[in-house]
Amino acid sequence: MGLHHITWRATASAVTDVDSVADSLAWLVGDESWVEIDFTQSHHGSEMYLITAHCKKKSAALESFAKLGPNNLEHLSTEYDTRMDENNTFHFRLELDSLIAGKLILSDASKPDTVKGQIKIEVYPGQTIETEFETIVSKALSRTTSVQQASENNEG
């Protein structure tokens, strides 16, 4: 599989409910032990927290990426050229407040209070990064479909 790992990062001021942010990132990666909270000061001296969730397990990283849902995954797949960097890392953002409320809404760098997401993609000789990315999105989409179907079966 081409997905090596996924990382989620958020910053929070000293007045933010840091536990809510950390819990949201833990939900994204599926394990609270993969979440780190670091206290620091901003360039201007105000207190802030850096919250990072890093998932190195390939299957759990794919599950985390799949949590974006089919609409977000399909949208991201159309922005491959603008979001992939030279290190085979695909970058995207979510609205922080929406994530805390249980909704995953894509955002951009111009908006405040976002969660930065990155997936690192493995590429081996004979493979292309674009093909590997398409395969990852396809696998994530199939996981969102199976989770959605199971949820609908449990409701009925």
Protein backbone atom coordinates (compact mmCIF):
# COMPACT_ATOMS: atom_id res chain seq x y z
CA MET A 1 0.00 0.00 0.00
CA GLY A 2 1.24 3.52 -0.82
CA LEU A 3 0.05 5.32 2.32
CA HIS A 4 2.96 5.49 4.74
CA HIS A 5 1.46 7.65 7.53
CA ILE A 6 -0.95 10.46 8.34
CA THR A 7 -0.36 13.48 10.56
CA TRP A 8 -2.88 15.97 11.94
CA ARG A 9 -1.76 19.26 13.57
CA ALA A 10 -3.66 22.00 15.34
CA THR A 11 -2.73 25.01 17.43
CA ALA A 12 -4.77 26.30 20.34
CA SER A 13 -4.50 29.38 22.49
CA ALA A 14 -4.39 29.20 26.27
CA VAL A 15 -8.13 29.99 26.38
CA THR A 16 -9.10 27.15 24.01
CA ASP A 17 -10.47 23.89 25.34
CA VAL A 18 -7.31 21.94 24.50
CA ASP A 19 -8.85 18.64 25.61
CA SER A 20 -11.62 19.00 23.02
CA VAL A 21 -9.06 19.60 20.29
CA ALA A 22 -6.96 16.63 21.45
CA ASP A 23 -10.04 14.39 21.67
CA SER A 24 -11.02 15.36 18.12
CA LEU A 25 -7.57 14.51 16.79
CA ALA A 26 -7.60 11.25 18.76
CA TRP A 27 -10.89 10.36 17.08
CA LEU A 28 -9.33 11.08 13.69
CA VAL A 29 -6.39 8.71 14.27
CA GLY A 30 -8.30 6.19 16.35
CA ASP A 31 -6.01 6.13 19.38
CA GLU A 32 -5.50 8.82 22.03
CA SER A 33 -1.97 7.56 22.72
CA TRP A 34 -0.95 8.88 19.28
CA VAL A 35 -1.80 12.46 20.30
CA GLU A 36 0.82 14.79 21.74
CA ILE A 37 0.20 18.17 23.35
CA ASP A 38 3.10 20.60 23.61
CA PHE A 39 2.94 23.91 25.46
CA THR A 40 4.89 26.81 24.00
CA GLN A 41 4.81 30.56 23.49
CA SER A 42 4.05 32.34 20.26
CA HIS A 43 6.46 34.77 18.66
CA HIS A 44 4.65 37.58 20.47
CA GLY A 45 4.79 35.85 23.86
CA SER A 46 1.24 34.54 24.24
CA GLU A 47 0.76 31.01 25.52
CA MET A 48 -0.30 28.36 23.02
CA TYR A 49 -0.55 24.63 22.55
CA LEU A 50 0.61 22.53 19.62
CA ILE A 51 -1.52 19.40 19.31
CA THR A 52 -0.26 16.67 16.97
CA ALA A 53 -1.72 13.28 16.11
CA HIS A 54 0.58 11.01 14.15
CA CYS A 55 -0.45 7.59 12.90
CA LYS A 56 2.34 5.39 11.53
CA LYS A 57 0.27 2.22 11.15
CA LYS A 58 -0.68 1.99 7.48
CA SER A 59 -4.15 0.50 7.95
CA ALA A 60 -5.03 2.97 10.74
CA ALA A 61 -3.69 5.84 8.62
CA LEU A 62 -5.99 4.77 5.79
CA GLU A 63 -8.93 4.59 8.24
CA SER A 64 -8.10 8.10 9.41
CA PHE A 65 -7.97 9.42 5.85
CA ALA A 66 -11.25 7.64 5.06
CA LYS A 67 -12.97 9.51 7.90
CA LEU A 68 -12.93 12.57 5.65
CA GLY A 69 -15.90 11.00 3.88
CA PRO A 70 -16.66 10.49 0.20
CA ASN A 71 -17.41 14.11 -0.70
CA ASN A 72 -14.19 15.45 0.83
CA LEU A 73 -12.09 12.61 -0.61
CA GLU A 74 -13.49 13.15 -4.10
CA HIS A 75 -12.90 16.90 -3.80
CA LEU A 76 -9.30 16.39 -2.66
CA SER A 77 -8.66 13.98 -5.51
CA THR A 78 -9.39 16.81 -7.96
CA GLU A 79 -6.76 19.02 -6.30
CA TYR A 80 -3.83 16.62 -6.55
CA ASP A 81 -1.61 19.05 -8.49
CA THR A 82 -1.94 21.89 -6.00
CA ARG A 83 -1.71 19.86 -2.78
CA MET A 84 1.10 17.36 -3.44
CA ASP A 85 4.63 18.50 -2.64
CA GLU A 86 8.03 17.34 -3.88
CA ASN A 87 8.42 15.00 -0.86
CA ASN A 88 5.33 12.94 -1.77
CA THR A 89 3.28 14.55 0.98
CA PHE A 90 -0.32 15.56 0.28
CA HIS A 91 -1.52 18.58 2.29
CA PHE A 92 -5.06 19.59 3.28
CA ARG A 93 -6.92 21.35 6.10
CA LEU A 94 -10.13 20.97 8.09
CA GLU A 95 -12.10 23.59 9.97
CA LEU A 96 -11.22 23.10 13.65
CA ASP A 97 -14.55 24.21 15.14
CA SER A 98 -16.47 21.94 12.77
CA LEU A 99 -14.23 18.99 13.65
CA ILE A 100 -14.87 19.53 17.36
CA ALA A 101 -18.60 19.57 16.55
CA GLY A 102 -18.24 16.23 14.75
CA LYS A 103 -18.28 17.50 11.16
CA LEU A 104 -15.39 17.27 8.73
CA ILE A 105 -15.32 20.35 6.51
CA LEU A 106 -12.36 21.12 4.27
CA SER A 107 -10.74 24.51 4.73
CA ASP A 108 -7.80 26.47 3.38
CA ALA A 109 -4.81 28.25 4.84
CA SER A 110 -6.48 31.66 4.68
CA LYS A 111 -9.00 30.76 7.36
CA PRO A 112 -8.21 30.82 11.09
CA ASP A 113 -8.49 27.80 13.37
CA THR A 114 -7.75 24.90 11.06
CA VAL A 115 -6.38 21.42 11.48
CA LYS A 116 -3.56 20.63 9.08
CA GLY A 117 -3.65 17.16 7.60
CA GLN A 118 -0.82 15.46 5.74
CA ILE A 119 -0.52 12.04 4.21
CA LYS A 120 2.91 10.71 3.29
CA ILE A 121 2.88 8.43 0.27
CA GLU A 122 5.38 5.67 -0.45
CA VAL A 123 6.48 5.35 -4.05
CA TYR A 124 8.67 2.52 -5.27
CA PRO A 125 10.52 2.14 -8.59
CA GLY A 126 8.08 1.64 -11.42
CA GLN A 127 5.27 3.48 -9.59
CA THR A 128 4.10 7.06 -10.01
CA ILE A 129 3.04 9.27 -7.13
CA GLU A 130 -0.18 10.20 -8.91
CA THR A 131 -1.19 6.56 -9.41
CA GLU A 132 -0.39 5.74 -5.78
CA PHE A 133 -2.44 8.71 -4.61
CA GLU A 134 -5.40 7.62 -6.76
CA THR A 135 -5.15 4.12 -5.29
CA ILE A 136 -5.15 5.51 -1.73
CA VAL A 137 -8.22 7.66 -2.42
CA SER A 138 -9.97 4.65 -3.98
CA LYS A 139 -9.20 2.47 -0.94
CA ALA A 140 -10.33 5.23 1.43
CA LEU A 141 -13.56 5.65 -0.55
CA SER A 142 -14.27 1.91 -0.33
CA ARG A 143 -13.80 2.08 3.45
CA THR A 144 -16.17 5.02 3.80
CA THR A 145 -18.77 3.15 1.76
CA SER A 146 -18.52 0.00 3.89
CA VAL A 147 -18.67 2.01 7.14
CA GLN A 148 -21.67 3.95 5.86
CA GLN A 149 -23.47 0.74 4.83
CA ALA A 150 -22.80 -0.89 8.22
CA SER A 151 -24.12 2.22 9.97
CA GLU A 152 -27.28 2.19 7.86
CA ASN A 153 -27.81 -1.54 8.58
CA ASN A 154 -27.52 -0.91 12.32
CA GLU A 155 -30.11 1.88 12.13
CA GLY A 156 -32.65 -0.28 10.32
